[in-house]
N, C-alpha and C. Protein backbone atom coordinates (compact mmCIF):
# COMPACT_ATOMS: atom_id res chain seq x y z
N MET A 1 144.62 148.37 -3.40
CA MET A 1 143.69 148.68 -2.33
C MET A 1 144.43 149.43 -1.22
N PRO A 2 143.84 150.52 -0.71
CA PRO A 2 144.51 151.23 0.37
C PRO A 2 144.53 150.38 1.64
N ARG A 3 145.66 150.33 2.27
CA ARG A 3 145.76 149.63 3.54
C ARG A 3 146.54 150.43 4.56
N ASP A 4 147.11 151.55 4.11
CA ASP A 4 147.86 152.45 4.99
C ASP A 4 147.22 153.84 4.92
N PHE A 5 146.99 154.42 6.07
CA PHE A 5 146.37 155.74 6.18
C PHE A 5 147.21 156.59 7.11
N SER A 6 147.34 157.88 6.80
CA SER A 6 148.19 158.74 7.62
C SER A 6 147.73 160.19 7.52
N ILE A 7 147.94 160.92 8.59
CA ILE A 7 147.72 162.37 8.60
C ILE A 7 148.82 163.00 9.44
N THR A 8 149.32 164.13 8.98
CA THR A 8 150.36 164.86 9.71
C THR A 8 149.85 166.27 9.95
N ILE A 9 150.10 166.78 11.16
CA ILE A 9 149.62 168.11 11.53
C ILE A 9 150.67 168.80 12.38
N ASP A 10 150.82 170.10 12.17
CA ASP A 10 151.70 170.91 13.01
C ASP A 10 150.89 171.52 14.13
N ILE A 11 151.46 171.49 15.33
CA ILE A 11 150.79 171.98 16.53
C ILE A 11 151.69 173.00 17.21
N VAL A 12 151.11 174.14 17.55
CA VAL A 12 151.86 175.20 18.22
C VAL A 12 151.87 174.90 19.73
N ALA A 13 152.65 173.90 20.09
CA ALA A 13 152.83 173.47 21.48
C ALA A 13 154.09 172.62 21.51
N PRO A 14 154.81 172.64 22.62
CA PRO A 14 156.04 171.84 22.69
C PRO A 14 155.74 170.34 22.65
N PRO A 15 156.68 169.54 22.16
CA PRO A 15 156.47 168.09 22.12
C PRO A 15 156.09 167.49 23.47
N SER A 16 156.60 168.05 24.57
CA SER A 16 156.26 167.51 25.89
C SER A 16 154.77 167.65 26.18
N ARG A 17 154.18 168.75 25.75
CA ARG A 17 152.73 168.95 25.94
C ARG A 17 151.95 167.96 25.07
N VAL A 18 152.36 167.82 23.81
CA VAL A 18 151.67 166.91 22.90
C VAL A 18 151.79 165.47 23.42
N TRP A 19 152.98 165.09 23.87
CA TRP A 19 153.17 163.75 24.41
C TRP A 19 152.25 163.51 25.61
N ALA A 20 152.16 164.50 26.49
CA ALA A 20 151.31 164.34 27.67
C ALA A 20 149.86 164.05 27.27
N VAL A 21 149.37 164.72 26.23
CA VAL A 21 148.00 164.49 25.78
C VAL A 21 147.87 163.14 25.07
N LEU A 22 148.80 162.85 24.15
CA LEU A 22 148.74 161.59 23.40
C LEU A 22 148.85 160.36 24.30
N SER A 23 149.73 160.41 25.27
CA SER A 23 149.99 159.23 26.09
C SER A 23 148.94 159.01 27.18
N ASP A 24 148.06 159.98 27.40
CA ASP A 24 146.98 159.85 28.37
C ASP A 24 145.76 159.26 27.65
N ILE A 25 145.88 158.00 27.26
CA ILE A 25 144.91 157.35 26.38
C ILE A 25 143.49 157.36 26.96
N GLU A 26 143.36 157.23 28.27
CA GLU A 26 142.02 157.18 28.86
C GLU A 26 141.26 158.50 28.74
N ARG A 27 141.94 159.56 28.31
CA ARG A 27 141.26 160.85 28.15
C ARG A 27 141.07 161.22 26.68
N TRP A 28 141.40 160.32 25.76
CA TRP A 28 141.24 160.63 24.34
C TRP A 28 139.82 161.07 24.01
N HIS A 29 138.82 160.46 24.65
CA HIS A 29 137.43 160.80 24.35
C HIS A 29 137.11 162.26 24.64
N GLU A 30 137.95 162.93 25.43
CA GLU A 30 137.72 164.34 25.76
C GLU A 30 138.07 165.26 24.59
N TRP A 31 138.92 164.81 23.68
CA TRP A 31 139.35 165.71 22.61
C TRP A 31 139.13 165.19 21.19
N THR A 32 138.64 163.97 21.03
CA THR A 32 138.30 163.49 19.68
C THR A 32 136.97 162.74 19.71
N GLU A 33 136.14 163.03 18.73
CA GLU A 33 134.85 162.36 18.62
C GLU A 33 134.99 160.95 18.06
N SER A 34 136.20 160.56 17.65
CA SER A 34 136.39 159.21 17.11
C SER A 34 136.57 158.17 18.22
N VAL A 35 136.61 158.62 19.46
CA VAL A 35 136.75 157.71 20.60
C VAL A 35 135.64 158.01 21.60
N THR A 36 134.88 156.97 21.96
CA THR A 36 133.84 157.17 22.98
C THR A 36 134.37 156.83 24.37
N SER A 37 135.31 155.88 24.44
CA SER A 37 135.97 155.59 25.72
C SER A 37 137.22 154.76 25.47
N ALA A 38 138.13 154.85 26.43
CA ALA A 38 139.34 154.05 26.40
C ALA A 38 139.67 153.70 27.85
N LYS A 39 139.96 152.44 28.08
CA LYS A 39 140.27 152.00 29.45
C LYS A 39 141.54 151.17 29.43
N ARG A 40 142.51 151.63 30.20
CA ARG A 40 143.74 150.86 30.36
C ARG A 40 143.41 149.61 31.18
N LEU A 41 144.02 148.50 30.82
CA LEU A 41 143.82 147.24 31.54
C LEU A 41 144.97 146.97 32.51
N ASP A 42 145.86 147.94 32.63
CA ASP A 42 146.98 147.84 33.57
C ASP A 42 147.19 149.21 34.18
N THR A 43 148.15 149.31 35.07
CA THR A 43 148.43 150.59 35.73
C THR A 43 149.87 150.98 35.46
N GLY A 44 150.20 152.18 35.88
CA GLY A 44 151.57 152.67 35.71
C GLY A 44 151.75 153.38 34.39
N PRO A 45 152.98 153.79 34.14
CA PRO A 45 153.26 154.51 32.90
C PRO A 45 153.00 153.62 31.68
N LEU A 46 152.64 154.25 30.58
CA LEU A 46 152.45 153.54 29.33
C LEU A 46 153.77 152.85 28.97
N ALA A 47 153.69 151.57 28.59
CA ALA A 47 154.90 150.79 28.29
C ALA A 47 154.58 149.74 27.24
N VAL A 48 155.60 149.23 26.59
CA VAL A 48 155.41 148.12 25.67
C VAL A 48 154.75 146.99 26.47
N GLY A 49 153.69 146.45 25.93
CA GLY A 49 152.92 145.42 26.62
C GLY A 49 151.68 145.94 27.31
N SER A 50 151.58 147.27 27.51
CA SER A 50 150.36 147.84 28.09
C SER A 50 149.17 147.47 27.21
N LYS A 51 148.04 147.23 27.85
CA LYS A 51 146.83 146.84 27.12
C LYS A 51 145.71 147.82 27.45
N LEU A 52 144.79 147.98 26.49
CA LEU A 52 143.65 148.85 26.70
C LEU A 52 142.49 148.39 25.83
N ILE A 53 141.29 148.80 26.24
CA ILE A 53 140.09 148.58 25.45
C ILE A 53 139.70 149.94 24.88
N LEU A 54 139.57 150.01 23.56
CA LEU A 54 139.22 151.26 22.89
C LEU A 54 137.83 151.09 22.27
N CYS A 55 136.93 152.00 22.60
CA CYS A 55 135.58 152.00 22.03
C CYS A 55 135.45 153.20 21.10
N GLN A 56 134.98 152.92 19.88
CA GLN A 56 134.82 153.96 18.88
C GLN A 56 133.44 153.84 18.25
N PRO A 57 132.87 154.98 17.82
CA PRO A 57 131.57 154.93 17.16
C PRO A 57 131.61 154.02 15.93
N LYS A 58 130.57 153.25 15.73
CA LYS A 58 130.38 152.38 14.57
C LYS A 58 131.33 151.19 14.53
N LEU A 59 132.09 150.95 15.61
CA LEU A 59 133.03 149.83 15.66
C LEU A 59 132.85 149.06 16.96
N PRO A 60 133.08 147.75 16.95
CA PRO A 60 133.02 147.01 18.21
C PRO A 60 134.21 147.38 19.09
N PRO A 61 134.08 147.28 20.41
CA PRO A 61 135.23 147.52 21.28
C PRO A 61 136.39 146.61 20.86
N ALA A 62 137.60 147.15 20.95
CA ALA A 62 138.78 146.39 20.54
C ALA A 62 139.85 146.48 21.61
N GLU A 63 140.53 145.36 21.84
CA GLU A 63 141.66 145.35 22.77
C GLU A 63 142.94 145.65 21.99
N TYR A 64 143.66 146.64 22.46
CA TYR A 64 144.92 147.04 21.85
C TYR A 64 146.07 146.78 22.80
N THR A 65 147.23 146.50 22.23
CA THR A 65 148.47 146.32 22.99
C THR A 65 149.50 147.31 22.47
N VAL A 66 150.22 147.96 23.37
CA VAL A 66 151.33 148.83 22.96
C VAL A 66 152.46 147.92 22.50
N THR A 67 152.86 148.05 21.25
CA THR A 67 153.90 147.19 20.68
C THR A 67 155.22 147.92 20.46
N ALA A 68 155.20 149.23 20.53
CA ALA A 68 156.43 150.02 20.41
C ALA A 68 156.21 151.31 21.19
N LEU A 69 157.27 151.79 21.82
CA LEU A 69 157.16 153.03 22.58
C LEU A 69 158.53 153.67 22.66
N ASP A 70 158.57 154.95 22.33
CA ASP A 70 159.77 155.77 22.51
C ASP A 70 159.32 156.94 23.38
N GLU A 71 159.61 156.87 24.66
CA GLU A 71 159.11 157.82 25.66
C GLU A 71 159.27 159.26 25.17
N GLY A 72 158.18 160.00 25.21
CA GLY A 72 158.19 161.40 24.82
C GLY A 72 158.08 161.63 23.32
N LYS A 73 158.15 160.55 22.54
CA LYS A 73 158.13 160.71 21.08
C LYS A 73 156.96 160.00 20.40
N GLY A 74 156.59 158.82 20.89
CA GLY A 74 155.47 158.15 20.24
C GLY A 74 155.34 156.70 20.63
N PHE A 75 154.28 156.10 20.09
CA PHE A 75 154.01 154.69 20.38
C PHE A 75 153.13 154.09 19.30
N ALA A 76 153.12 152.77 19.29
CA ALA A 76 152.27 152.00 18.37
C ALA A 76 151.33 151.14 19.18
N LEU A 77 150.09 151.05 18.72
CA LEU A 77 149.07 150.20 19.31
C LEU A 77 148.65 149.18 18.27
N GLU A 78 148.49 147.93 18.69
CA GLU A 78 148.09 146.88 17.75
C GLU A 78 146.86 146.16 18.27
N THR A 79 145.93 145.88 17.36
CA THR A 79 144.79 145.05 17.66
C THR A 79 144.69 143.96 16.60
N ARG A 80 144.24 142.79 17.02
CA ARG A 80 144.10 141.65 16.11
C ARG A 80 142.69 141.11 16.18
N SER A 81 142.19 140.71 15.02
CA SER A 81 140.92 140.00 14.94
C SER A 81 141.12 138.90 13.91
N PRO A 82 140.22 137.96 13.82
CA PRO A 82 140.42 136.88 12.84
C PRO A 82 140.66 137.45 11.44
N GLY A 83 141.84 137.22 10.91
CA GLY A 83 142.17 137.64 9.55
C GLY A 83 142.67 139.05 9.39
N ALA A 84 142.76 139.81 10.47
CA ALA A 84 143.20 141.21 10.33
C ALA A 84 144.05 141.65 11.51
N VAL A 85 145.02 142.48 11.19
CA VAL A 85 145.85 143.15 12.19
C VAL A 85 145.82 144.64 11.85
N VAL A 86 145.56 145.46 12.87
CA VAL A 86 145.57 146.91 12.68
C VAL A 86 146.58 147.50 13.65
N VAL A 87 147.49 148.32 13.10
CA VAL A 87 148.48 149.00 13.92
C VAL A 87 148.24 150.50 13.79
N GLY A 88 148.06 151.16 14.93
CA GLY A 88 147.91 152.61 14.98
C GLY A 88 149.17 153.22 15.57
N ASN A 89 149.69 154.23 14.90
CA ASN A 89 150.92 154.91 15.34
C ASN A 89 150.61 156.35 15.68
N GLN A 90 151.21 156.84 16.77
CA GLN A 90 151.09 158.22 17.22
C GLN A 90 152.50 158.72 17.49
N TRP A 91 153.03 159.61 16.65
CA TRP A 91 154.41 160.07 16.80
C TRP A 91 154.47 161.59 16.76
N VAL A 92 155.29 162.15 17.62
CA VAL A 92 155.47 163.60 17.70
C VAL A 92 156.95 163.92 17.57
N GLU A 93 157.25 164.99 16.84
CA GLU A 93 158.64 165.43 16.69
C GLU A 93 158.68 166.95 16.81
N PRO A 94 159.79 167.48 17.32
CA PRO A 94 159.91 168.93 17.43
C PRO A 94 160.11 169.56 16.05
N VAL A 95 159.51 170.72 15.86
CA VAL A 95 159.72 171.55 14.68
C VAL A 95 159.75 173.00 15.16
N ASP A 96 160.24 173.90 14.32
CA ASP A 96 160.23 175.31 14.69
C ASP A 96 158.80 175.73 15.02
N GLY A 97 158.62 176.31 16.18
CA GLY A 97 157.31 176.78 16.58
C GLY A 97 156.45 175.75 17.28
N GLY A 98 156.96 174.54 17.48
CA GLY A 98 156.15 173.56 18.19
C GLY A 98 156.44 172.13 17.85
N SER A 99 155.41 171.42 17.38
CA SER A 99 155.49 169.97 17.18
C SER A 99 154.84 169.59 15.86
N ARG A 100 155.31 168.50 15.31
CA ARG A 100 154.66 167.86 14.16
C ARG A 100 154.24 166.47 14.60
N VAL A 101 152.97 166.18 14.39
CA VAL A 101 152.41 164.89 14.80
C VAL A 101 151.98 164.12 13.56
N THR A 102 152.34 162.84 13.53
CA THR A 102 151.89 161.95 12.49
C THR A 102 151.07 160.84 13.14
N LEU A 103 149.84 160.71 12.68
CA LEU A 103 148.93 159.65 13.13
C LEU A 103 148.71 158.73 11.94
N SER A 104 148.86 157.44 12.15
CA SER A 104 148.69 156.52 11.01
C SER A 104 148.06 155.21 11.45
N LEU A 105 147.48 154.52 10.47
CA LEU A 105 146.90 153.20 10.67
C LEU A 105 147.36 152.31 9.52
N GLN A 106 147.78 151.09 9.85
CA GLN A 106 148.15 150.11 8.84
C GLN A 106 147.31 148.86 9.06
N PHE A 107 146.74 148.36 7.99
CA PHE A 107 145.92 147.16 8.01
C PHE A 107 146.66 146.05 7.29
N SER A 108 146.72 144.86 7.91
CA SER A 108 147.36 143.71 7.27
C SER A 108 146.58 142.46 7.63
N GLY A 109 147.06 141.33 7.15
CA GLY A 109 146.38 140.07 7.37
C GLY A 109 145.54 139.70 6.17
N LEU A 110 144.90 138.57 6.25
CA LEU A 110 144.12 138.04 5.13
C LEU A 110 143.02 139.00 4.68
N ILE A 111 142.27 139.57 5.64
CA ILE A 111 141.17 140.46 5.25
C ILE A 111 141.44 141.93 5.61
N GLY A 112 142.60 142.23 6.18
CA GLY A 112 142.92 143.60 6.57
C GLY A 112 142.80 144.61 5.44
N PRO A 113 143.44 144.36 4.29
CA PRO A 113 143.34 145.32 3.19
C PRO A 113 141.90 145.51 2.68
N THR A 114 141.12 144.44 2.64
CA THR A 114 139.73 144.55 2.21
C THR A 114 138.92 145.37 3.21
N THR A 115 139.15 145.12 4.49
CA THR A 115 138.49 145.89 5.55
C THR A 115 138.85 147.36 5.41
N ALA A 116 140.13 147.65 5.19
CA ALA A 116 140.58 149.04 5.05
C ALA A 116 139.90 149.70 3.85
N PHE A 117 139.78 148.97 2.75
CA PHE A 117 139.15 149.52 1.55
C PHE A 117 137.69 149.87 1.82
N ILE A 118 136.99 148.96 2.46
CA ILE A 118 135.57 149.18 2.75
C ILE A 118 135.37 150.35 3.72
N MET A 119 136.28 150.48 4.70
CA MET A 119 136.13 151.47 5.76
C MET A 119 136.94 152.75 5.51
N ARG A 120 137.53 152.91 4.34
CA ARG A 120 138.47 154.01 4.09
C ARG A 120 137.89 155.40 4.39
N GLY A 121 136.63 155.63 4.07
CA GLY A 121 136.03 156.94 4.34
C GLY A 121 135.98 157.23 5.83
N MET A 122 135.52 156.27 6.60
CA MET A 122 135.45 156.44 8.04
C MET A 122 136.85 156.56 8.65
N ILE A 123 137.78 155.76 8.17
CA ILE A 123 139.15 155.82 8.69
C ILE A 123 139.73 157.21 8.49
N ASN A 124 139.59 157.75 7.30
CA ASN A 124 140.12 159.09 7.04
C ASN A 124 139.42 160.16 7.87
N ARG A 125 138.08 160.04 8.04
CA ARG A 125 137.36 160.99 8.89
C ARG A 125 137.85 160.92 10.33
N TYR A 126 138.03 159.71 10.84
CA TYR A 126 138.49 159.55 12.22
C TYR A 126 139.90 160.13 12.40
N LEU A 127 140.79 159.90 11.45
CA LEU A 127 142.13 160.49 11.55
C LEU A 127 142.06 162.01 11.54
N GLU A 128 141.19 162.57 10.70
CA GLU A 128 141.02 164.03 10.68
C GLU A 128 140.48 164.55 12.00
N MET A 129 139.51 163.84 12.60
CA MET A 129 138.97 164.22 13.91
C MET A 129 140.08 164.18 14.96
N ASP A 130 140.87 163.12 14.92
CA ASP A 130 141.95 162.97 15.89
C ASP A 130 142.96 164.10 15.79
N ALA A 131 143.39 164.41 14.56
CA ALA A 131 144.39 165.46 14.36
C ALA A 131 143.84 166.82 14.79
N ALA A 132 142.62 167.14 14.39
CA ALA A 132 142.03 168.43 14.74
C ALA A 132 141.81 168.54 16.25
N GLY A 133 141.30 167.48 16.85
CA GLY A 133 141.06 167.50 18.29
C GLY A 133 142.35 167.60 19.09
N LEU A 134 143.38 166.88 18.65
CA LEU A 134 144.67 166.94 19.33
C LEU A 134 145.25 168.35 19.25
N LYS A 135 145.18 168.96 18.07
CA LYS A 135 145.69 170.31 17.88
C LYS A 135 144.98 171.29 18.81
N THR A 136 143.65 171.23 18.85
CA THR A 136 142.88 172.12 19.70
C THR A 136 143.24 171.90 21.17
N ARG A 137 143.29 170.64 21.59
CA ARG A 137 143.59 170.33 23.00
C ARG A 137 144.98 170.83 23.40
N CYS A 138 145.98 170.58 22.54
CA CYS A 138 147.36 170.93 22.89
C CYS A 138 147.62 172.44 22.83
N GLU A 139 146.89 173.13 21.96
CA GLU A 139 147.11 174.56 21.81
C GLU A 139 146.30 175.39 22.81
N SER A 140 145.34 174.76 23.50
CA SER A 140 144.57 175.49 24.51
C SER A 140 145.36 175.48 25.82
N SER A 141 145.11 176.49 26.63
CA SER A 141 145.89 176.58 27.88
C SER A 141 145.31 175.73 28.97
């Protein structure tokens, strides 16, 4: 059963630009249709332990916690529900001509893999929306 999903995209923009867009979580809804709103529950720079509420179409609002962060390079967000843990990763690396971004989701826990299997079509569509929207946002002036 699929429980790991990933998409990688090259963006003609420097990693600093991509990082600025990725790390501004409260504005994700401006560039991807997979997010209707995101609200940080704390203030200051994004850091391990930062919390947010993410609202997405066809899904209940979920509270996420930043569980890993490498400033300027990427971060991981984790949400937990009874029987499932979902970790979303957003990582950017420099490449000739710009940046390479990898967006991924991992499902674990008792029902995580089953949930991922049932939702695999939507998960892949949302990752595609995220990658395309991020590329457009970062490459526009």
